[in-house]
Amino acid sequence: MSSELPKVSVAETLANRIAALKPGVLPEATTRKCEDLLIDVVGLCITARNEDYVKAALNGSDDDGPCTVIGHARALTASGAAFVNGTAAHGEDFDDTFEGGPVHAGAVIVPAVLAACERHHIDGPHALTGIAVGTEVLCRLSLVVPKAVHKAGFHPTAIFGAMGAAAGVGAALGLNARQIVDALGIAGSMAGGIIEYLAEGAWTKRMHAGWAAQSGIRAALLAKQGFVGPRTVFEGVHGLFHGFAHTTKGDYDALIGDLGTRWVTDTLAFKPYPCGTMAQPYIDCARRLASRGIKPEDVESILCEVAEGTVHRLWEPLADKQRPRNGYAAKFAVPYLLSAGFVHGGVGLGVFTEDAIRDERVLALAAKVKFVIDPDNPYPNNYTGHIKATLKDGSVVEERQPYLRGGAQEPLTRQDVADKFALNVQHGGWSKAQGEAALKWLAGLYKSKIDLSALRT
């Protein structure tokens, strides 16, 4: 078997590209996207800080240390802070999305790199480089064998997140190419995250980003001290893709081909609604349908064209998606989500309370929603929405949304990101003045030593 091993592995090529990147060389568009990521992730940590799952994550951590848990007075070790912050940032499913994946990069990479840099007194330019590198690696990994990881029953953000975090923390801490290879190899044995949370709306998806973030820190620190990982962690006979995608064959050029010269990070999408990404265009369709003056009671039935790759997560079992078991399950139930958007004129954090998910007008409409698979749907390269409503008077009305708002075709502006931040921190109990002060402070974070103590409350 050893004679069949490559002379230069995928991880070695990747590590050489990463090690060659120095602070201060990022394109302006990539820098701005990483600035937006910072704002978005901090706002999401604040918005979730009083939620039960964040309290459980914090109270379940017994590793007090010097690193900031955003929105909390208590501080933890770097790994502990990365875990809690990553869990909070991903917990409301309001974080960024890479449309090719789909994966959520910010909730993994930002907490990992910030915690590592705060602990090891690393400056802002190195943190910025680490966040860009980690985001890029996480997103590109999702392109190697599209859809296969989800199909195998795993959460791609969790699996590729550990690898991206190892790369990002490694870049921020200045690991050399050999050490980055080891960090990636080590992280491969830390990656994990099943998607059985879908069955009853359990909380485990929320911790996937945090677990990946802390795994990346541990892998990078082990590698820095000489711990050896397999260099064929990606393409090996027993490598990452064999384990989580059931194949070792894939488009590895999508990972390493032009890394460092083209940045897919620039195309990251920010969600307009706090729920599953692929559901968002359907909510837009529902809102436009309602804007025509149609009332829920006017609707006889709704049929949606959908991508086959989204059915097992967002559409089945259909009865559970029409009447979700709890507020978290509702975030991954398109019939409920589009109905809530139709009835309420939008989908905010308030539609996921236990009272809101029992709204009879919403549930009555959701019960009328069915789907059909569209074999030509472009998922995962593009997220689209479609609703065909048959009304009780026999007429048929139809709406289509050709792309994800907030994504590459209609990106959010910096002001949009700032407005989202303001709403999120107010939802988390911060005053308007606190939010404005934090936003101003964040604008200079990448230019100074990483010290997040201003975000403790």
Protein backbone atom coordinates (compact mmCIF):
# COMPACT_ATOMS: atom_id res chain seq x y z
CA MET A 1 0.00 0.00 0.00
CA SER A 2 2.84 2.41 0.79
CA SER A 3 4.06 2.27 -2.83
CA GLU A 4 0.68 3.60 -3.94
CA LEU A 5 0.84 6.68 -1.75
CA PRO A 6 1.29 9.97 -3.61
CA LYS A 7 4.67 11.66 -3.57
CA VAL A 8 2.91 14.93 -2.78
CA SER A 9 -0.46 14.65 -1.05
CA VAL A 10 -3.44 16.97 -1.33
CA ALA A 11 -2.82 18.21 2.22
CA GLU A 12 0.82 18.96 1.42
CA THR A 13 -0.09 21.02 -1.63
CA LEU A 14 -2.76 22.81 0.39
CA ALA A 15 -0.39 23.49 3.29
CA ASN A 16 2.28 24.91 1.01
CA ARG A 17 -0.26 27.34 -0.45
CA ILE A 18 -1.43 28.37 3.02
CA ALA A 19 2.08 28.84 4.41
CA ALA A 20 2.92 31.12 1.48
CA LEU A 21 0.12 33.55 2.38
CA LYS A 22 1.30 36.43 4.52
CA PRO A 23 -0.72 39.07 6.39
CA GLY A 24 -1.57 42.10 4.31
CA VAL A 25 -1.91 40.37 0.94
CA LEU A 26 -5.65 39.62 0.91
CA PRO A 27 -7.73 41.18 -1.87
CA GLU A 28 -9.96 44.05 -0.76
CA ALA A 29 -13.15 42.09 -1.44
CA THR A 30 -11.97 39.20 0.72
CA THR A 31 -10.97 41.55 3.52
CA ARG A 32 -14.40 43.19 3.46
CA LYS A 33 -16.13 39.83 3.55
CA CYS A 34 -14.07 38.84 6.60
CA GLU A 35 -15.02 42.14 8.22
CA ASP A 36 -18.67 41.35 7.56
CA LEU A 37 -18.17 37.85 8.98
CA LEU A 38 -16.77 39.31 12.19
CA ILE A 39 -19.73 41.66 12.61
CA ASP A 40 -22.25 38.95 11.80
CA VAL A 41 -20.80 36.27 14.09
CA VAL A 42 -20.48 38.60 17.09
CA GLY A 43 -24.08 39.73 16.62
CA LEU A 44 -25.25 36.13 16.45
CA CYS A 45 -23.39 35.24 19.64
CA ILE A 46 -25.13 38.11 21.41
CA THR A 47 -28.58 37.27 20.08
CA ALA A 48 -28.33 33.69 21.38
CA ARG A 49 -26.56 34.40 24.67
CA ASN A 50 -29.64 33.92 26.85
CA GLU A 51 -30.90 30.80 25.08
CA ASP A 52 -31.05 27.52 26.98
CA TYR A 53 -28.64 25.72 24.66
CA VAL A 54 -25.98 28.41 25.11
CA LYS A 55 -26.40 28.34 28.87
CA ALA A 56 -26.05 24.57 28.77
CA ALA A 57 -22.90 24.80 26.64
CA LEU A 58 -21.37 27.35 28.99
CA ASN A 59 -22.41 25.62 32.20
CA GLY A 60 -21.21 22.31 30.80
CA SER A 61 -17.69 23.70 30.34
CA ASP A 62 -15.34 23.22 33.30
CA ASP A 63 -12.24 24.77 31.70
CA ASP A 64 -12.10 28.37 32.88
CA GLY A 65 -9.37 30.43 31.27
CA PRO A 66 -8.45 33.77 29.70
CA CYS A 67 -10.60 33.74 26.55
CA THR A 68 -13.83 35.62 25.96
CA VAL A 69 -17.21 33.98 25.73
CA ILE A 70 -19.01 36.68 23.78
CA GLY A 71 -21.81 38.25 25.79
CA HIS A 72 -20.87 36.56 29.07
CA ALA A 73 -18.75 37.56 32.05
CA ARG A 74 -17.19 34.12 32.45
CA ALA A 75 -14.04 33.36 30.43
CA LEU A 76 -12.79 29.94 29.29
CA THR A 77 -9.79 28.32 27.66
CA ALA A 78 -9.36 28.95 23.94
CA SER A 79 -10.99 25.62 23.11
CA GLY A 80 -13.84 26.23 25.54
CA ALA A 81 -14.52 29.74 24.25
CA ALA A 82 -14.43 28.55 20.65
CA PHE A 83 -16.92 25.80 21.49
CA VAL A 84 -19.45 28.05 23.22
CA ASN A 85 -19.09 30.93 20.74
CA GLY A 86 -19.38 28.58 17.76
CA THR A 87 -22.46 26.95 19.26
CA ALA A 88 -24.06 30.35 19.88
CA ALA A 89 -23.21 31.69 16.41
CA HIS A 90 -24.74 28.69 14.66
CA GLY A 91 -27.56 28.08 17.11
CA GLU A 92 -30.30 30.19 15.52
CA ASP A 93 -29.36 29.10 11.98
CA PHE A 94 -28.99 32.75 11.05
CA ASP A 95 -25.32 32.51 10.06
CA ASP A 96 -23.67 32.78 6.65
CA THR A 97 -23.86 30.11 3.96
CA PHE A 98 -21.58 29.06 1.11
CA GLU A 99 -23.98 28.23 -1.70
CA GLY A 100 -21.78 25.61 -3.35
CA GLY A 101 -21.67 23.48 -0.21
CA PRO A 102 -23.86 24.15 1.57
CA VAL A 103 -21.64 24.90 4.57
CA HIS A 104 -21.60 27.57 7.28
CA ALA A 105 -18.10 28.97 7.65
CA GLY A 106 -18.31 31.99 9.92
CA ALA A 107 -19.69 30.20 12.97
CA VAL A 108 -16.75 27.79 12.90
CA ILE A 109 -13.80 29.84 11.73
CA VAL A 110 -14.35 33.18 13.45
CA PRO A 111 -14.74 31.70 16.97
CA ALA A 112 -11.77 29.36 16.44
CA VAL A 113 -9.33 31.97 15.15
CA LEU A 114 -10.39 34.70 17.58
CA ALA A 115 -10.07 32.41 20.61
CA ALA A 116 -6.67 31.11 19.52
CA CYS A 117 -5.41 34.61 18.82
CA GLU A 118 -6.74 35.99 22.10
CA ARG A 119 -5.05 33.18 24.03
CA HIS A 120 -1.71 33.44 22.24
CA HIS A 121 -1.61 37.25 21.91
CA ILE A 122 -1.73 37.26 18.11
CA ASP A 123 -2.37 40.51 16.24
CA GLY A 124 -5.30 41.46 14.06
CA PRO A 125 -3.63 41.09 10.65
CA HIS A 126 -2.71 37.48 11.44
CA ALA A 127 -6.24 36.85 12.71
CA LEU A 128 -7.69 38.29 9.50
CA THR A 129 -5.47 36.01 7.42
CA GLY A 130 -6.46 33.02 9.54
CA ILE A 131 -10.16 33.75 9.16
CA ALA A 132 -9.79 34.11 5.39
CA VAL A 133 -7.76 30.89 5.09
CA GLY A 134 -10.05 28.86 7.32
CA THR A 135 -13.17 30.07 5.53
CA GLU A 136 -11.64 29.35 2.13
CA VAL A 137 -10.58 25.82 3.06
CA LEU A 138 -13.93 24.94 4.65
CA CYS A 139 -15.87 26.19 1.63
CA ARG A 140 -13.62 24.60 -0.96
CA LEU A 141 -13.73 21.22 0.76
CA SER A 142 -17.48 21.18 0.24
CA LEU A 143 -16.90 21.30 -3.53
CA VAL A 144 -14.77 18.15 -3.76
CA VAL A 145 -17.70 15.72 -3.69
CA PRO A 146 -20.85 17.90 -3.62
CA LYS A 147 -23.87 16.59 -1.68
CA ALA A 148 -22.18 13.29 -0.77
CA VAL A 149 -21.49 14.10 2.89
CA HIS A 150 -25.10 15.13 3.55
CA LYS A 151 -26.32 12.05 1.71
CA ALA A 152 -24.15 9.85 3.92
CA GLY A 153 -25.86 11.26 7.01
CA PHE A 154 -23.27 13.78 8.17
CA HIS A 155 -23.30 17.56 8.55
CA PRO A 156 -20.74 19.07 6.13
CA THR A 157 -20.20 22.13 8.33
CA ALA A 158 -19.13 19.83 11.15
CA ILE A 159 -16.89 17.60 9.04
CA PHE A 160 -15.20 20.25 6.92
CA GLY A 161 -15.35 22.77 9.76
CA ALA A 162 -12.76 20.90 11.81
CA MET A 163 -10.42 20.93 8.82
CA GLY A 164 -11.05 24.59 8.00
CA ALA A 165 -10.54 25.60 11.62
CA ALA A 166 -7.25 23.71 11.79
CA ALA A 167 -6.08 25.49 8.64
CA GLY A 168 -7.27 28.90 9.82
CA VAL A 169 -5.79 28.63 13.30
CA GLY A 170 -2.59 27.23 11.82
CA ALA A 171 -2.30 30.20 9.47
CA ALA A 172 -3.02 32.70 12.25
CA LEU A 173 -0.45 31.14 14.57
CA GLY A 174 2.19 31.02 11.82
CA LEU A 175 2.59 27.25 11.55
CA ASN A 176 4.91 26.09 8.79
CA ALA A 177 3.75 23.86 5.94
CA ARG A 178 4.73 20.62 7.66
CA GLN A 179 2.88 21.60 10.81
CA ILE A 180 -0.23 22.57 8.81
CA VAL A 181 -0.19 19.14 7.16
CA ASP A 182 -0.07 17.54 10.59
CA ALA A 183 -2.84 19.83 11.86
CA LEU A 184 -5.09 18.79 8.97
CA GLY A 185 -4.24 15.14 9.52
CA ILE A 186 -5.03 15.38 13.22
CA ALA A 187 -8.28 17.27 12.61
CA GLY A 188 -9.43 14.46 10.33
CA SER A 189 -9.70 12.24 13.40
CA MET A 190 -11.63 14.92 15.28
CA ALA A 191 -14.24 15.59 12.58
CA GLY A 192 -17.78 14.39 13.21
CA GLY A 193 -21.43 15.38 13.28
CA ILE A 194 -24.47 13.27 12.35
CA ILE A 195 -27.70 14.87 11.17
CA GLU A 196 -30.11 12.80 13.29
CA TYR A 197 -31.13 16.07 14.97
CA LEU A 198 -33.62 16.29 12.10
CA ALA A 199 -35.76 13.50 13.58
CA GLU A 200 -37.13 15.53 16.48
CA GLY A 201 -35.41 18.91 16.45
CA ALA A 202 -32.68 17.97 18.93
CA TRP A 203 -29.98 20.55 19.71
CA THR A 204 -26.91 18.75 18.37
CA LYS A 205 -26.63 20.63 15.08
CA ARG A 206 -26.15 23.79 17.12
CA MET A 207 -22.96 22.43 18.70
CA HIS A 208 -21.45 21.19 15.43
CA ALA A 209 -19.89 24.55 14.61
CA GLY A 210 -18.52 24.94 18.12
CA TRP A 211 -17.13 21.41 18.21
CA ALA A 212 -15.40 21.94 14.87
CA ALA A 213 -13.98 25.26 16.08
CA GLN A 214 -12.43 23.81 19.24
CA SER A 215 -11.18 20.77 17.30
CA GLY A 216 -9.30 23.03 14.91
CA ILE A 217 -7.55 24.78 17.80
CA ARG A 218 -6.53 21.51 19.43
CA ALA A 219 -5.29 20.07 16.13
CA ALA A 220 -3.19 23.16 15.35
CA LEU A 221 -1.64 23.26 18.82
CA LEU A 222 -0.81 19.55 18.73
CA ALA A 223 0.80 19.96 15.32
CA LYS A 224 2.81 22.95 16.52
CA GLN A 225 4.31 20.71 19.19
CA GLY A 226 5.27 18.00 16.71
CA PHE A 227 2.31 15.61 16.90
CA VAL A 228 2.16 13.81 13.54
CA GLY A 229 -0.99 13.43 11.46
CA PRO A 230 -1.53 11.48 8.21
CA ARG A 231 -0.52 13.51 5.17
CA THR A 232 -3.06 11.66 3.03
CA VAL A 233 -5.92 12.71 5.29
CA PHE A 234 -8.09 13.76 2.34
CA GLU A 235 -7.52 11.28 -0.50
CA GLY A 236 -6.25 8.30 1.49
CA VAL A 237 -7.80 4.85 1.40
CA HIS A 238 -9.09 5.51 4.93
CA GLY A 239 -9.17 9.28 4.64
CA LEU A 240 -11.76 11.96 5.32
CA PHE A 241 -13.73 11.52 2.12
CA HIS A 242 -13.75 7.74 2.41
CA GLY A 243 -15.18 8.05 5.91
CA PHE A 244 -17.74 10.79 5.37
CA ALA A 245 -18.56 10.68 1.65
CA HIS A 246 -17.95 6.98 0.96
CA THR A 247 -15.49 7.72 -1.81
CA THR A 248 -11.87 8.76 -2.22
CA LYS A 249 -12.48 10.14 -5.69
CA GLY A 250 -13.38 13.78 -6.05
CA ASP A 251 -12.47 17.10 -7.59
CA TYR A 252 -9.46 17.91 -5.41
CA ASP A 253 -8.56 20.67 -7.84
CA ALA A 254 -11.61 22.52 -6.48
CA LEU A 255 -9.77 22.59 -3.16
CA ILE A 256 -6.19 23.35 -4.18
CA GLY A 257 -6.24 24.37 -7.85
CA ASP A 258 -6.22 28.16 -7.54
CA LEU A 259 -6.23 28.60 -3.77
CA GLY A 260 -4.59 31.88 -2.90
CA THR A 261 -5.31 33.50 -6.25
CA ARG A 262 -9.12 33.21 -6.31
CA TRP A 263 -11.21 33.51 -3.17
CA VAL A 264 -14.58 31.76 -3.02
CA THR A 265 -14.96 33.44 0.38
CA ASP A 266 -16.02 36.54 -1.53
CA THR A 267 -19.27 34.81 -2.51
CA LEU A 268 -20.46 33.94 1.00
CA ALA A 269 -24.16 34.63 1.53
CA PHE A 270 -25.75 36.22 4.58
CA LYS A 271 -29.24 35.00 5.38
CA PRO A 272 -32.28 37.27 5.50
CA TYR A 273 -34.16 34.76 7.70
CA PRO A 274 -33.03 32.72 10.76
CA CYS A 275 -33.66 29.24 9.36
CA GLY A 276 -32.41 26.63 6.91
CA THR A 277 -30.73 28.19 3.90
CA MET A 278 -32.55 26.31 1.16
CA ALA A 279 -35.90 27.35 2.65
CA GLN A 280 -35.22 31.05 2.23
CA PRO A 281 -36.24 31.48 -1.43
CA TYR A 282 -39.54 29.71 -0.66
CA ILE A 283 -40.25 32.25 2.07
CA ASP A 284 -39.63 35.04 -0.44
CA CYS A 285 -42.13 33.41 -2.82
CA ALA A 286 -44.71 33.12 -0.04
CA ARG A 287 -44.31 36.76 0.94
CA ARG A 288 -44.82 37.89 -2.65
CA LEU A 289 -47.88 35.67 -2.92
CA ALA A 290 -49.37 37.29 0.18
CA SER A 291 -48.54 40.75 -1.15
CA ARG A 292 -50.99 40.11 -3.99
CA GLY A 293 -53.80 40.31 -1.44
CA ILE A 294 -54.30 36.55 -1.21
CA LYS A 295 -55.33 35.35 2.24
CA PRO A 296 -54.36 31.96 3.75
CA GLU A 297 -58.04 30.99 3.78
CA ASP A 298 -58.21 31.56 0.01
CA VAL A 299 -55.70 28.77 -0.66
CA GLU A 300 -56.86 25.28 -1.58
CA SER A 301 -53.40 23.75 -2.03
CA ILE A 302 -49.74 24.63 -2.59
CA LEU A 303 -47.26 22.65 -4.67
CA CYS A 304 -43.54 23.46 -4.59
CA GLU A 305 -40.86 22.31 -7.02
CA VAL A 306 -37.80 21.30 -4.99
CA ALA A 307 -34.28 19.91 -5.35
CA GLU A 308 -33.93 16.19 -4.66
CA GLY A 309 -30.91 16.86 -2.44
CA THR A 310 -32.97 18.93 0.02
CA VAL A 311 -35.90 16.57 0.49
CA HIS A 312 -34.56 14.43 3.33
CA ARG A 313 -33.68 17.46 5.43
CA LEU A 314 -36.38 20.02 4.67
CA TRP A 315 -39.44 18.19 3.31
CA GLU A 316 -39.70 14.71 4.82
CA PRO A 317 -41.45 13.31 6.76
CA LEU A 318 -43.96 15.75 5.29
CA ALA A 319 -46.35 15.62 8.25
CA ASP A 320 -43.53 16.64 10.61
CA LYS A 321 -42.52 19.48 8.32
CA GLN A 322 -46.10 20.73 8.18
CA ARG A 323 -46.44 20.59 11.97
CA PRO A 324 -42.94 20.68 13.49
CA ARG A 325 -42.39 19.20 16.95
CA ASN A 326 -40.62 22.25 18.38
CA GLY A 327 -39.15 25.61 17.45
CA TYR A 328 -35.81 24.23 16.37
CA ALA A 329 -37.34 21.57 14.15
CA ALA A 330 -39.39 24.38 12.56
CA LYS A 331 -36.19 25.96 11.23
CA PHE A 332 -35.79 23.00 8.87
CA ALA A 333 -39.42 22.60 7.79
CA VAL A 334 -40.19 24.40 4.54
CA PRO A 335 -44.00 23.93 4.67
CA TYR A 336 -44.09 25.61 8.08
CA LEU A 337 -41.58 28.30 7.10
CA LEU A 338 -43.26 29.41 3.90
CA SER A 339 -46.61 29.39 5.66
CA ALA A 340 -45.24 31.54 8.48
CA GLY A 341 -43.80 33.92 5.91
CA PHE A 342 -47.16 34.07 4.14
CA VAL A 343 -49.21 34.67 7.31
CA HIS A 344 -46.83 37.02 9.14
CA GLY A 345 -45.25 38.80 6.18
CA GLY A 346 -41.80 37.48 7.07
CA VAL A 347 -39.85 35.06 9.23
CA GLY A 348 -38.02 36.42 12.26
CA LEU A 349 -36.77 34.90 15.49
CA GLY A 350 -40.26 35.25 16.95
CA VAL A 351 -41.83 32.57 14.74
CA PHE A 352 -39.86 29.81 16.48
CA THR A 353 -41.26 30.16 19.98
CA GLU A 354 -43.35 27.29 21.31
CA ASP A 355 -46.46 29.47 21.08
CA ALA A 356 -45.69 30.62 17.53
CA ILE A 357 -45.28 27.12 16.12
CA ARG A 358 -48.82 26.32 17.31
CA ASP A 359 -50.40 29.23 15.40
CA GLU A 360 -53.44 27.58 13.82
CA ARG A 361 -53.52 29.89 10.77
CA VAL A 362 -49.93 28.95 9.95
CA LEU A 363 -50.47 25.25 10.58
CA ALA A 364 -53.67 25.17 8.55
CA LEU A 365 -51.83 26.63 5.56
CA ALA A 366 -48.78 24.39 6.08
CA ALA A 367 -51.05 21.33 5.93
CA LYS A 368 -51.89 22.30 2.35
CA VAL A 369 -48.25 22.35 1.20
CA LYS A 370 -46.81 19.49 -0.83
CA PHE A 371 -43.77 19.12 -3.07
CA VAL A 372 -42.55 17.56 -6.29
CA ILE A 373 -38.91 16.97 -7.21
CA ASP A 374 -37.58 19.08 -10.06
CA PRO A 375 -34.80 17.07 -11.75
CA ASP A 376 -33.38 20.24 -13.29
CA ASN A 377 -33.05 22.17 -10.04
CA PRO A 378 -29.52 23.66 -9.87
CA TYR A 379 -28.94 22.89 -6.16
CA PRO A 380 -26.33 23.09 -4.62
CA ASN A 381 -24.84 25.59 -7.05
CA ASN A 382 -27.85 27.85 -6.71
CA TYR A 383 -30.77 27.96 -4.26
CA THR A 384 -34.14 28.64 -5.83
CA GLY A 385 -37.73 28.80 -4.67
CA HIS A 386 -41.08 27.98 -6.25
CA ILE A 387 -44.71 28.04 -5.15
CA LYS A 388 -47.78 27.15 -7.21
CA ALA A 389 -50.94 27.90 -5.25
CA THR A 390 -54.36 26.70 -6.33
CA LEU A 391 -57.03 28.95 -4.85
CA LYS A 392 -60.52 27.94 -3.80
CA ASP A 393 -62.01 29.84 -6.72
CA GLY A 394 -60.06 27.54 -9.08
CA SER A 395 -57.46 30.06 -10.14
CA VAL A 396 -53.74 29.23 -9.99
CA VAL A 397 -51.02 31.67 -8.99
CA GLU A 398 -47.30 31.00 -9.12
CA GLU A 399 -44.13 32.59 -7.78
CA ARG A 400 -40.46 31.81 -8.39
CA GLN A 401 -37.31 33.07 -6.69
CA PRO A 402 -34.26 32.37 -8.88
CA TYR A 403 -31.56 32.80 -6.24
CA LEU A 404 -30.84 33.29 -2.55
CA ARG A 405 -31.19 36.88 -1.44
CA GLY A 406 -28.05 37.88 0.46
CA GLY A 407 -25.93 35.71 -1.83
CA ALA A 408 -23.69 36.38 -4.79
CA GLN A 409 -26.51 37.66 -7.03
CA GLU A 410 -27.98 40.03 -4.44
CA PRO A 411 -25.42 40.46 -1.64
CA LEU A 412 -26.08 42.35 1.54
CA THR A 413 -24.39 45.73 1.84
CA ARG A 414 -22.23 46.65 4.82
CA GLN A 415 -25.17 48.69 6.09
CA ASP A 416 -27.42 45.62 5.80
CA VAL A 417 -24.93 43.62 7.86
CA ALA A 418 -24.75 46.40 10.44
CA ASP A 419 -28.55 46.63 10.61
CA LYS A 420 -28.78 42.88 11.16
CA PHE A 421 -26.16 43.18 13.91
CA ALA A 422 -28.16 45.93 15.63
CA LEU A 423 -31.34 43.84 15.61
CA ASN A 424 -29.50 40.75 16.85
CA VAL A 425 -27.79 42.41 19.79
CA GLN A 426 -31.02 44.08 20.86
CA HIS A 427 -32.74 40.69 20.73
CA GLY A 428 -29.95 39.43 23.00
CA GLY A 429 -30.67 42.13 25.56
CA TRP A 430 -28.06 44.73 24.72
CA SER A 431 -29.03 48.37 24.55
CA LYS A 432 -28.81 50.31 21.31
CA ALA A 433 -25.85 52.21 22.75
CA GLN A 434 -24.03 48.98 23.59
CA GLY A 435 -24.58 47.73 20.08
CA GLU A 436 -23.34 50.92 18.46
CA ALA A 437 -20.24 50.98 20.65
CA ALA A 438 -19.47 47.33 19.86
CA LEU A 439 -19.89 47.89 16.13
CA LYS A 440 -17.48 50.82 16.22
CA TRP A 441 -14.98 48.79 18.26
CA LEU A 442 -15.18 45.80 15.89
CA ALA A 443 -14.20 48.04 12.97
CA GLY A 444 -10.66 48.26 14.37
CA LEU A 445 -10.22 44.70 15.65
CA TYR A 446 -8.22 43.41 12.69
CA LYS A 447 -5.73 46.24 13.16
CA SER A 448 -4.77 45.55 16.79
CA LYS A 449 -4.01 42.73 19.21
CA ILE A 450 -6.95 40.38 19.57
CA ASP A 451 -8.48 41.12 22.94
CA LEU A 452 -12.22 40.48 23.11
CA SER A 453 -12.75 41.50 26.72
CA ALA A 454 -14.87 44.46 25.59
CA LEU A 455 -17.49 41.91 24.51
CA ARG A 456 -17.90 40.41 28.00
CA THR A 457 -21.01 41.37 29.96
